[in-house]
Every structure is written in C-alpha cells, then in structure tokens.
PDB file of all heavy atoms in Angstrom:
ATOM      1  N   GLY A   1      40.002  16.593  18.035  1.00  0.00           N
ATOM      2  CA  GLY A   1      40.514  17.648  17.194  1.00  0.00           C
ATOM      3  C   GLY A   1      41.647  18.433  17.867  1.00  0.00           C
ATOM      4  O   GLY A   1      42.573  18.927  17.199  1.00  0.00           O
ATOM      5  N   GLU A   2      41.627  18.559  19.184  1.00  0.00           N
ATOM      6  CA  GLU A   2      42.602  19.311  19.923  1.00  0.00           C
ATOM      7  C   GLU A   2      43.945  18.574  20.049  1.00  0.00           C
ATOM      8  O   GLU A   2      44.911  19.121  20.556  1.00  0.00           O
ATOM      9  CB  GLU A   2      42.066  19.619  21.302  1.00  0.00           C
ATOM     10  CG  GLU A   2      40.954  20.706  21.278  1.00  0.00           C
ATOM     11  CD  GLU A   2      40.404  20.966  22.643  1.00  0.00           C
ATOM     12  OE1 GLU A   2      40.687  20.141  23.619  1.00  0.00           O
ATOM     13  OE2 GLU A   2      39.599  21.935  22.842  1.00  0.00           O
ATOM     14  N   LYS A   3      43.984  17.282  19.627  1.00  0.00           N
ATOM     15  CA  LYS A   3      45.237  16.598  19.655  1.00  0.00           C
ATOM     16  C   LYS A   3      46.251  17.204  18.726  1.00  0.00           C
ATOM     17  O   LYS A   3      47.452  17.051  18.904  1.00  0.00           O
ATOM     18  CB  LYS A   3      45.049  15.103  19.306  1.00  0.00           C
ATOM     19  CG  LYS A   3      44.299  14.347  20.427  1.00  0.00           C
ATOM     20  CD  LYS A   3      44.209  12.882  20.118  1.00  0.00           C
ATOM     21  CE  LYS A   3      43.572  12.080  21.266  1.00  0.00           C
ATOM     22  NZ  LYS A   3      43.535  10.642  20.972  1.00  0.00           N
ATOM     23  N   LEU A   4      45.775  17.900  17.694  1.00  0.00           N
ATOM     24  CA  LEU A   4      46.685  18.732  16.867  1.00  0.00           C
ATOM     25  C   LEU A   4      46.643  20.068  17.414  1.00  0.00           C
ATOM     26  O   LEU A   4      45.678  20.841  17.279  1.00  0.00           O
ATOM     27  CB  LEU A   4      46.204  18.769  15.384  1.00  0.00           C
ATOM     28  CG  LEU A   4      46.315  17.416  14.599  1.00  0.00           C
ATOM     29  CD1 LEU A   4      45.799  17.547  13.213  1.00  0.00           C
ATOM     30  CD2 LEU A   4      47.774  16.931  14.581  1.00  0.00           C
ATOM     31  N   SER A   5      47.743  20.483  18.115  1.00  0.00           N
ATOM     32  CA  SER A   5      47.717  21.711  18.928  1.00  0.00           C
ATOM     33  C   SER A   5      47.657  22.928  18.006  1.00  0.00           C
ATOM     34  O   SER A   5      47.969  22.826  16.744  1.00  0.00           O
ATOM     35  CB  SER A   5      48.982  21.763  19.755  1.00  0.00           C
ATOM     36  OG  SER A   5      50.088  21.914  19.006  1.00  0.00           O
ATOM     37  N   GLY A   6      47.392  24.042  18.563  1.00  0.00           N
ATOM     38  CA  GLY A   6      47.335  25.285  17.812  1.00  0.00           C
ATOM     39  C   GLY A   6      48.659  25.669  17.141  1.00  0.00           C
ATOM     40  O   GLY A   6      48.658  26.013  15.959  1.00  0.00           O
ATOM     41  N   PRO A   7      49.793  25.555  17.809  1.00  0.00           N
ATOM     42  CA  PRO A   7      51.062  25.832  17.222  1.00  0.00           C
ATOM     43  C   PRO A   7      51.376  24.946  15.963  1.00  0.00           C
ATOM     44  O   PRO A   7      51.941  25.427  14.984  1.00  0.00           O
ATOM     45  CB  PRO A   7      52.102  25.625  18.270  1.00  0.00           C
ATOM     46  CG  PRO A   7      51.367  25.889  19.536  1.00  0.00           C
ATOM     47  CD  PRO A   7      49.983  25.349  19.269  1.00  0.00           C
ATOM     48  N   ILE A   8      50.962  23.660  16.084  1.00  0.00           N
ATOM     49  CA  ILE A   8      51.141  22.775  14.882  1.00  0.00           C
ATOM     50  C   ILE A   8      50.262  23.210  13.756  1.00  0.00           C
ATOM     51  O   ILE A   8      50.665  23.317  12.606  1.00  0.00           O
ATOM     52  CB  ILE A   8      50.954  21.329  15.252  1.00  0.00           C
ATOM     53  CG1 ILE A   8      52.044  20.839  16.199  1.00  0.00           C
ATOM     54  CG2 ILE A   8      50.877  20.403  14.028  1.00  0.00           C
ATOM     55  CD1 ILE A   8      53.430  20.747  15.526  1.00  0.00           C
ATOM     56  N   ARG A   9      48.979  23.396  14.055  1.00  0.00           N
ATOM     57  CA  ARG A   9      47.981  23.842  12.982  1.00  0.00           C
ATOM     58  C   ARG A   9      48.459  25.097  12.350  1.00  0.00           C
ATOM     59  O   ARG A   9      48.266  25.369  11.150  1.00  0.00           O
ATOM     60  CB  ARG A   9      46.611  23.959  13.576  1.00  0.00           C
ATOM     61  CG  ARG A   9      45.989  22.620  13.906  1.00  0.00           C
ATOM     62  CD  ARG A   9      44.528  22.859  14.446  1.00  0.00           C
ATOM     63  NE  ARG A   9      43.874  21.543  14.683  1.00  0.00           N
ATOM     64  CZ  ARG A   9      43.120  20.925  13.752  1.00  0.00           C
ATOM     65  NH1 ARG A   9      42.987  21.426  12.585  1.00  0.00           N
ATOM     66  NH2 ARG A   9      42.545  19.814  14.056  1.00  0.00           N
ATOM     67  N   ASP A  10      49.022  26.061  13.146  1.00  0.00           N
ATOM     68  CA  ASP A  10      49.477  27.339  12.611  1.00  0.00           C
ATOM     69  C   ASP A  10      50.579  27.211  11.631  1.00  0.00           C
ATOM     70  O   ASP A  10      50.809  28.069  10.833  1.00  0.00           O
ATOM     71  CB  ASP A  10      49.844  28.249  13.738  1.00  0.00           C
ATOM     72  CG  ASP A  10      49.818  29.702  13.327  1.00  0.00           C
ATOM     73  OD1 ASP A  10      48.880  30.128  12.662  1.00  0.00           O
ATOM     74  OD2 ASP A  10      50.804  30.442  13.682  1.00  0.00           O
ATOM     75  N   ARG A  11      51.322  26.082  11.697  1.00  0.00           N
ATOM     76  CA  ARG A  11      52.437  25.878  10.813  1.00  0.00           C
ATOM     77  C   ARG A  11      52.045  25.130   9.528  1.00  0.00           C
ATOM     78  O   ARG A  11      52.816  24.934   8.633  1.00  0.00           O
ATOM     79  CB  ARG A  11      53.531  25.097  11.507  1.00  0.00           C
ATOM     80  CG  ARG A  11      54.369  25.914  12.541  1.00  0.00           C
ATOM     81  CD  ARG A  11      55.142  25.011  13.428  1.00  0.00           C
ATOM     82  NE  ARG A  11      56.106  25.786  14.268  1.00  0.00           N
ATOM     83  CZ  ARG A  11      55.828  26.467  15.331  1.00  0.00           C
ATOM     84  NH1 ARG A  11      54.568  26.510  15.761  1.00  0.00           N
ATOM     85  NH2 ARG A  11      56.758  27.143  16.012  1.00  0.00           N
ATOM     86  N   ILE A  12      50.770  24.733   9.443  1.00  0.00           N
ATOM     87  CA  ILE A  12      50.189  24.110   8.251  1.00  0.00           C
ATOM     88  C   ILE A  12      49.730  25.167   7.252  1.00  0.00           C
ATOM     89  O   ILE A  12      48.992  26.055   7.676  1.00  0.00           O
ATOM     90  CB  ILE A  12      49.072  23.139   8.633  1.00  0.00           C
ATOM     91  CG1 ILE A  12      49.500  22.060   9.625  1.00  0.00           C
ATOM     92  CG2 ILE A  12      48.504  22.509   7.415  1.00  0.00           C
ATOM     93  CD1 ILE A  12      50.652  21.244   9.137  1.00  0.00           C
ATOM     94  N   ASP A  13      50.154  25.063   6.021  1.00  0.00           N
ATOM     95  CA  ASP A  13      49.782  26.039   5.026  1.00  0.00           C
ATOM     96  C   ASP A  13      48.414  25.829   4.438  1.00  0.00           C
ATOM     97  O   ASP A  13      47.637  26.785   4.205  1.00  0.00           O
ATOM     98  CB  ASP A  13      50.795  26.047   3.910  1.00  0.00           C
ATOM     99  CG  ASP A  13      52.255  26.309   4.392  1.00  0.00           C
ATOM    100  OD1 ASP A  13      52.528  27.446   4.739  1.00  0.00           O
ATOM    101  OD2 ASP A  13      52.999  25.339   4.439  1.00  0.00           O
ATOM    102  N   VAL A  14      48.110  24.539   4.082  1.00  0.00           N
ATOM    103  CA  VAL A  14      46.887  24.266   3.381  1.00  0.00           C
ATOM    104  C   VAL A  14      46.103  23.251   4.265  1.00  0.00           C
ATOM    105  O   VAL A  14      46.620  22.131   4.575  1.00  0.00           O
ATOM    106  CB  VAL A  14      47.150  23.679   1.998  1.00  0.00           C
ATOM    107  CG1 VAL A  14      45.796  23.300   1.298  1.00  0.00           C
ATOM    108  CG2 VAL A  14      47.915  24.656   1.181  1.00  0.00           C
ATOM    109  N   VAL A  15      44.839  23.555   4.569  1.00  0.00           N
ATOM    110  CA  VAL A  15      43.883  22.609   5.230  1.00  0.00           C
ATOM    111  C   VAL A  15      42.835  22.206   4.241  1.00  0.00           C
ATOM    112  O   VAL A  15      42.100  23.116   3.763  1.00  0.00           O
ATOM    113  CB  VAL A  15      43.320  23.242   6.497  1.00  0.00           C
ATOM    114  CG1 VAL A  15      42.364  22.226   7.137  1.00  0.00           C
ATOM    115  CG2 VAL A  15      44.381  23.669   7.444  1.00  0.00           C
ATOM    116  N   GLN A  16      42.806  20.931   3.921  1.00  0.00           N
ATOM    117  CA  GLN A  16      41.875  20.472   2.869  1.00  0.00           C
ATOM    118  C   GLN A  16      40.908  19.446   3.399  1.00  0.00           C
ATOM    119  O   GLN A  16      41.257  18.300   3.689  1.00  0.00           O
ATOM    120  CB  GLN A  16      42.642  19.821   1.721  1.00  0.00           C
ATOM    121  CG  GLN A  16      41.809  19.240   0.628  1.00  0.00           C
ATOM    122  CD  GLN A  16      40.910  20.275  -0.037  1.00  0.00           C
ATOM    123  OE1 GLN A  16      41.373  21.354  -0.370  1.00  0.00           O
ATOM    124  NE2 GLN A  16      39.641  19.993  -0.227  1.00  0.00           N
ATOM    125  N   PRO A  17      39.619  19.891   3.618  1.00  0.00           N
ATOM    126  CA  PRO A  17      38.599  18.914   4.055  1.00  0.00           C
ATOM    127  C   PRO A  17      38.215  18.013   2.877  1.00  0.00           C
ATOM    128  O   PRO A  17      38.133  18.419   1.722  1.00  0.00           O
ATOM    129  CB  PRO A  17      37.379  19.766   4.491  1.00  0.00           C
ATOM    130  CG  PRO A  17      37.606  21.047   3.721  1.00  0.00           C
ATOM    131  CD  PRO A  17      39.084  21.216   3.528  1.00  0.00           C
ATOM    132  N   MET A  18      37.908  16.723   3.162  1.00  0.00           N
ATOM    133  CA  MET A  18      37.517  15.781   2.129  1.00  0.00           C
ATOM    134  C   MET A  18      36.250  15.010   2.636  1.00  0.00           C
ATOM    135  O   MET A  18      36.141  14.685   3.798  1.00  0.00           O
ATOM    136  CB  MET A  18      38.653  14.750   1.877  1.00  0.00           C
ATOM    137  CG  MET A  18      39.928  15.389   1.328  1.00  0.00           C
ATOM    138  SD  MET A  18      41.309  14.202   1.162  1.00  0.00           S
ATOM    139  CE  MET A  18      40.596  13.103  -0.121  1.00  0.00           C
ATOM    140  N   LEU A  19      35.381  14.780   1.697  1.00  0.00           N
ATOM    141  CA  LEU A  19      34.119  14.130   1.994  1.00  0.00           C
ATOM    142  C   LEU A  19      33.897  12.990   0.972  1.00  0.00           C
ATOM    143  O   LEU A  19      34.483  13.018  -0.101  1.00  0.00           O
ATOM    144  CB  LEU A  19      32.939  15.048   1.946  1.00  0.00           C
ATOM    145  CG  LEU A  19      32.835  16.149   3.058  1.00  0.00           C
ATOM    146  CD1 LEU A  19      31.763  17.178   2.722  1.00  0.00           C
ATOM    147  CD2 LEU A  19      32.658  15.523   4.401  1.00  0.00           C
ATOM    148  N   PRO A  20      33.100  11.974   1.338  1.00  0.00           N
ATOM    149  CA  PRO A  20      32.799  10.922   0.347  1.00  0.00           C
ATOM    150  C   PRO A  20      32.127  11.540  -0.846  1.00  0.00           C
ATOM    151  O   PRO A  20      31.387  12.463  -0.746  1.00  0.00           O
ATOM    152  CB  PRO A  20      31.849   9.927   1.160  1.00  0.00           C
ATOM    153  CG  PRO A  20      32.085  10.250   2.580  1.00  0.00           C
ATOM    154  CD  PRO A  20      32.484  11.709   2.678  1.00  0.00           C
ATOM    155  N   MET A  21      32.394  10.964  -2.025  1.00  0.00           N
ATOM    156  CA  MET A  21      31.865  11.550  -3.273  1.00  0.00           C
ATOM    157  C   MET A  21      30.492  10.923  -3.551  1.00  0.00           C
ATOM    158  O   MET A  21      30.270   9.754  -3.383  1.00  0.00           O
ATOM    159  CB  MET A  21      32.834  11.214  -4.362  1.00  0.00           C
ATOM    160  CG  MET A  21      34.144  12.009  -4.270  1.00  0.00           C
ATOM    161  SD  MET A  21      35.341  11.407  -5.487  1.00  0.00           S
ATOM    162  CE  MET A  21      35.664   9.791  -4.882  1.00  0.00           C
ATOM    163  N   THR A  22      29.606  11.785  -4.067  1.00  0.00           N
ATOM    164  CA  THR A  22      28.311  11.310  -4.487  1.00  0.00           C
ATOM    165  C   THR A  22      28.456  10.646  -5.909  1.00  0.00           C
ATOM    166  O   THR A  22      29.458  10.857  -6.589  1.00  0.00           O
ATOM    167  CB  THR A  22      27.356  12.495  -4.583  1.00  0.00           C
ATOM    168  OG1 THR A  22      27.824  13.425  -5.550  1.00  0.00           O
ATOM    169  CG2 THR A  22      27.179  13.170  -3.279  1.00  0.00           C
ATOM    170  N   LYS A  23      27.464   9.926  -6.316  1.00  0.00           N
ATOM    171  CA  LYS A  23      27.513   9.174  -7.591  1.00  0.00           C
ATOM    172  C   LYS A  23      27.682  10.210  -8.762  1.00  0.00           C
ATOM    173  O   LYS A  23      28.479  10.005  -9.644  1.00  0.00           O
ATOM    174  CB  LYS A  23      26.319   8.314  -7.753  1.00  0.00           C
ATOM    175  CG  LYS A  23      26.298   7.487  -9.027  1.00  0.00           C
ATOM    176  CD  LYS A  23      25.097   6.646  -9.150  1.00  0.00           C
ATOM    177  CE  LYS A  23      25.078   5.901 -10.497  1.00  0.00           C
ATOM    178  NZ  LYS A  23      23.879   4.968 -10.583  1.00  0.00           N
ATOM    179  N   SER A  24      26.931  11.281  -8.714  1.00  0.00           N
ATOM    180  CA  SER A  24      26.920  12.245  -9.780  1.00  0.00           C
ATOM    181  C   SER A  24      28.293  12.961  -9.895  1.00  0.00           C
ATOM    182  O   SER A  24      28.825  13.125 -11.004  1.00  0.00           O
ATOM    183  CB  SER A  24      25.806  13.240  -9.659  1.00  0.00           C
ATOM    184  OG  SER A  24      25.946  13.951  -8.439  1.00  0.00           O
ATOM    185  N   TYR A  25      28.842  13.320  -8.716  1.00  0.00           N
ATOM    186  CA  TYR A  25      30.132  13.972  -8.692  1.00  0.00           C
ATOM    187  C   TYR A  25      31.182  13.056  -9.166  1.00  0.00           C
ATOM    188  O   TYR A  25      32.109  13.466  -9.925  1.00  0.00           O
ATOM    189  CB  TYR A  25      30.406  14.443  -7.245  1.00  0.00           C
ATOM    190  CG  TYR A  25      31.726  15.245  -7.181  1.00  0.00           C
ATOM    191  CD1 TYR A  25      31.744  16.609  -7.402  1.00  0.00           C
ATOM    192  CD2 TYR A  25      32.889  14.612  -6.763  1.00  0.00           C
ATOM    193  CE1 TYR A  25      32.944  17.321  -7.338  1.00  0.00           C
ATOM    194  CE2 TYR A  25      34.098  15.310  -6.665  1.00  0.00           C
ATOM    195  CZ  TYR A  25      34.068  16.704  -6.941  1.00  0.00           C
ATOM    196  OH  TYR A  25      35.258  17.356  -6.824  1.00  0.00           O
ATOM    197  N   LEU A  26      31.151  11.772  -8.784  1.00  0.00           N
ATOM    198  CA  LEU A  26      32.175  10.799  -9.164  1.00  0.00           C
ATOM    199  C   LEU A  26      32.102  10.542 -10.676  1.00  0.00           C
ATOM    200  O   LEU A  26      33.171  10.484 -11.347  1.00  0.00           O
ATOM    201  CB  LEU A  26      32.011   9.517  -8.403  1.00  0.00           C
ATOM    202  CG  LEU A  26      32.991   8.374  -8.685  1.00  0.00           C
ATOM    203  CD1 LEU A  26      34.414   8.870  -8.348  1.00  0.00           C
ATOM    204  CD2 LEU A  26      32.708   7.140  -7.905  1.00  0.00           C
ATOM    205  N   THR A  27      30.908  10.494 -11.225  1.00  0.00           N
ATOM    206  CA  THR A  27      30.770  10.293 -12.636  1.00  0.00           C
ATOM    207  C   THR A  27      31.411  11.426 -13.379  1.00  0.00           C
ATOM    208  O   THR A  27      32.074  11.246 -14.440  1.00  0.00           O
ATOM    209  CB  THR A  27      29.293  10.179 -12.995  1.00  0.00           C
ATOM    210  OG1 THR A  27      28.740   9.036 -12.294  1.00  0.00           O
ATOM    211  CG2 THR A  27      29.140   9.923 -14.532  1.00  0.00           C
ATOM    212  N   GLU A  28      31.202  12.655 -12.923  1.00  0.00           N
ATOM    213  CA  GLU A  28      31.781  13.829 -13.618  1.00  0.00           C
ATOM    214  C   GLU A  28      33.284  13.840 -13.424  1.00  0.00           C
ATOM    215  O   GLU A  28      34.030  14.140 -14.385  1.00  0.00           O
ATOM    216  CB  GLU A  28      31.172  15.094 -13.000  1.00  0.00           C
ATOM    217  CG  GLU A  28      31.789  16.385 -13.580  1.00  0.00           C
ATOM    218  CD  GLU A  28      31.379  17.619 -12.856  1.00  0.00           C
ATOM    219  OE1 GLU A  28      30.551  17.522 -11.898  1.00  0.00           O
ATOM    220  OE2 GLU A  28      31.818  18.710 -13.219  1.00  0.00           O
ATOM    221  N   ALA A  29      33.790  13.479 -12.266  1.00  0.00           N
ATOM    222  CA  ALA A  29      35.192  13.525 -11.953  1.00  0.00           C
ATOM    223  C   ALA A  29      35.998  12.472 -12.792  1.00  0.00           C
ATOM    224  O   ALA A  29      37.148  12.724 -13.165  1.00  0.00           O
ATOM    225  CB  ALA A  29      35.465  13.325 -10.481  1.00  0.00           C
ATOM    226  N   LEU A  30      35.346  11.332 -13.024  1.00  0.00           N
ATOM    227  CA  LEU A  30      36.047  10.331 -13.802  1.00  0.00           C
ATOM    228  C   LEU A  30      36.382  10.737 -15.192  1.00  0.00           C
ATOM    229  O   LEU A  30      37.243  10.215 -15.895  1.00  0.00           O
ATOM    230  CB  LEU A  30      35.230   9.003 -13.813  1.00  0.00           C
ATOM    231  CG  LEU A  30      35.146   8.281 -12.475  1.00  0.00           C
ATOM    232  CD1 LEU A  30      34.233   7.050 -12.563  1.00  0.00           C
ATOM    233  CD2 LEU A  30      36.522   7.838 -12.046  1.00  0.00           C
ATOM    234  N   GLY A  31      35.716  11.722 -15.705  1.00  0.00           N
ATOM    235  CA  GLY A  31      35.993  12.267 -17.064  1.00  0.00           C
ATOM    236  C   GLY A  31      37.043  13.304 -17.052  1.00  0.00           C
ATOM    237  O   GLY A  31      37.421  13.817 -18.083  1.00  0.00           O
ATOM    238  N   ARG A  32      37.617  13.667 -15.890  1.00  0.00           N
ATOM    239  CA  ARG A  32      38.642  14.710 -15.764  1.00  0.00           C
ATOM    240  C   ARG A  32      39.906  14.150 -15.102  1.00  0.00           C
ATOM    241  O   ARG A  32      40.482  14.759 -14.221  1.00  0.00           O
ATOM    242  CB  ARG A  32      38.122  15.869 -14.997  1.00  0.00           C
ATOM    243  CG  ARG A  32      36.846  16.506 -15.646  1.00  0.00           C
ATOM    244  CD  ARG A  32      36.253  17.516 -14.706  1.00  0.00           C
ATOM    245  NE  ARG A  32      37.174  18.604 -14.418  1.00  0.00           N
ATOM    246  CZ  ARG A  32      36.838  19.600 -13.536  1.00  0.00           C
ATOM    247  NH1 ARG A  32      35.709  19.591 -12.921  1.00  0.00           N
ATOM    248  NH2 ARG A  32      37.770  20.515 -13.281  1.00  0.00           N
ATOM    249  N   VAL A  33      40.329  12.919 -15.485  1.00  0.00           N
ATOM    250  CA  VAL A  33      41.436  12.254 -14.830  1.00  0.00           C
ATOM    251  C   VAL A  33      42.716  12.786 -15.429  1.00  0.00           C
ATOM    252  O   VAL A  33      42.864  12.910 -16.665  1.00  0.00           O
ATOM    253  CB  VAL A  33      41.326  10.704 -15.046  1.00  0.00           C
ATOM    254  CG1 VAL A  33      42.594  10.042 -14.483  1.00  0.00           C
ATOM    255  CG2 VAL A  33      40.134  10.200 -14.338  1.00  0.00           C
ATOM    256  N   GLU A  34      43.699  13.117 -14.578  1.00  0.00           N
ATOM    257  CA  GLU A  34      44.964  13.633 -15.007  1.00  0.00           C
ATOM    258  C   GLU A  34      46.038  12.735 -14.356  1.00  0.00           C
ATOM    259  O   GLU A  34      45.943  12.349 -13.167  1.00  0.00           O
ATOM    260  CB  GLU A  34      45.200  15.093 -14.603  1.00  0.00           C
ATOM    261  CG  GLU A  34      44.398  16.073 -15.367  1.00  0.00           C
ATOM    262  CD  GLU A  34      44.726  17.467 -14.971  1.00  0.00           C
ATOM    263  OE1 GLU A  34      44.855  17.741 -13.763  1.00  0.00           O
ATOM    264  OE2 GLU A  34      44.853  18.313 -15.870  1.00  0.00           O
ATOM    265  N   SER A  35      47.038  12.376 -15.142  1.00  0.00           N
ATOM    266  CA  SER A  35      48.152  11.540 -14.659  1.00  0.00           C
ATOM    267  C   SER A  35      49.127  12.374 -13.853  1.00  0.00           C
ATOM    268  O   SER A  35      49.108  13.600 -13.877  1.00  0.00           O
ATOM    269  CB  SER A  35      48.848  10.833 -15.750  1.00  0.00           C
ATOM    270  OG  SER A  35      49.601  11.795 -16.538  1.00  0.00           O
ATOM    271  N   THR A  36      49.994  11.672 -13.102  1.00  0.00           N
ATOM    272  CA  THR A  36      51.039  12.358 -12.343  1.00  0.00           C
ATOM    273  C   THR A  36      51.934  13.194 -13.267  1.00  0.00           C
ATOM    274  O   THR A  36      52.320  14.305 -12.929  1.00  0.00           O
ATOM    275  CB  THR A  36      51.879  11.309 -11.569  1.00  0.00           C
ATOM    276  OG1 THR A  36      51.067  10.770 -10.514  1.00  0.00           O
ATOM    277  CG2 THR A  36      53.122  11.991 -10.997  1.00  0.00           C
ATOM    278  N   ALA A  37      52.219  12.635 -14.443  1.00  0.00           N
ATOM    279  CA  ALA A  37      53.122  13.348 -15.400  1.00  0.00           C
ATOM    280  C   ALA A  37      52.559  14.683 -15.789  1.00  0.00           C
ATOM    281  O   ALA A  37      53.265  15.677 -15.928  1.00  0.00           O
ATOM    282  CB  ALA A  37      53.404  12.452 -16.583  1.00  0.00           C
ATOM    283  N   VAL A  38      51.230  14.749 -16.067  1.00  0.00           N
ATOM    284  CA  VAL A  38      50.590  15.961 -16.513  1.00  0.00           C
ATOM    285  C   VAL A  38      50.658  17.013 -15.405  1.00  0.00           C
ATOM    286  O   VAL A  38      50.986  18.184 -15.624  1.00  0.00           O
ATOM    287  CB  VAL A  38      49.147  15.693 -16.935  1.00  0.00           C
ATOM    288  CG1 VAL A  38      48.414  17.015 -17.220  1.00  0.00           C
ATOM    289  CG2 VAL A  38      49.130  14.814 -18.149  1.00  0.00           C
ATOM    290  N   VAL A  39      50.289  16.633 -14.186  1.00  0.00           N
ATOM    291  CA  VAL A  39      50.312  17.564 -13.069  1.00  0.00           C
ATOM    292  C   VAL A  39      51.738  17.970 -12.748  1.00  0.00           C
ATOM    293  O   VAL A  39      51.986  19.187 -12.406  1.00  0.00           O
ATOM    294  CB  VAL A  39      49.538  17.005 -11.829  1.00  0.00           C
ATOM    295  CG1 VAL A  39      49.589  17.969 -10.656  1.00  0.00           C
ATOM    296  CG2 VAL A  39      48.168  16.574 -12.189  1.00  0.00           C
ATOM    297  N   ALA A  40      52.705  17.079 -12.771  1.00  0.00           N
ATOM    298  CA  ALA A  40      54.032  17.322 -12.430  1.00  0.00           C
ATOM    299  C   ALA A  40      54.608  18.398 -13.427  1.00  0.00           C
ATOM    300  O   ALA A  40      55.442  19.237 -13.011  1.00  0.00           O
ATOM    301  CB  ALA A  40      54.891  16.088 -12.446  1.00  0.00           C
TER     302      ALA A  40
END
C-alpha cells in the first residue's frame, strides 16, 4: 500500500473501494443497467 506515496494519494480526488458482488446484489444491479450515452 505504501508504494503509492502520500503526495500521490493526496492528489487523488476520489478513492473508490471495490469488492466482488454477491449474487443478490448482482441480480438487483442487472436491472439498473445504464449505457454510456445515458450517463454521458
């Protein structure tokens, strides 16, 4: 974790942790799919 130094981390605006999805969460998420065009 320290390979990304403090000065570099301090220049990052958004830190987003990601975890593997559970079956129930994935089932719910598949019903809320948005294309690039919609988000853009």
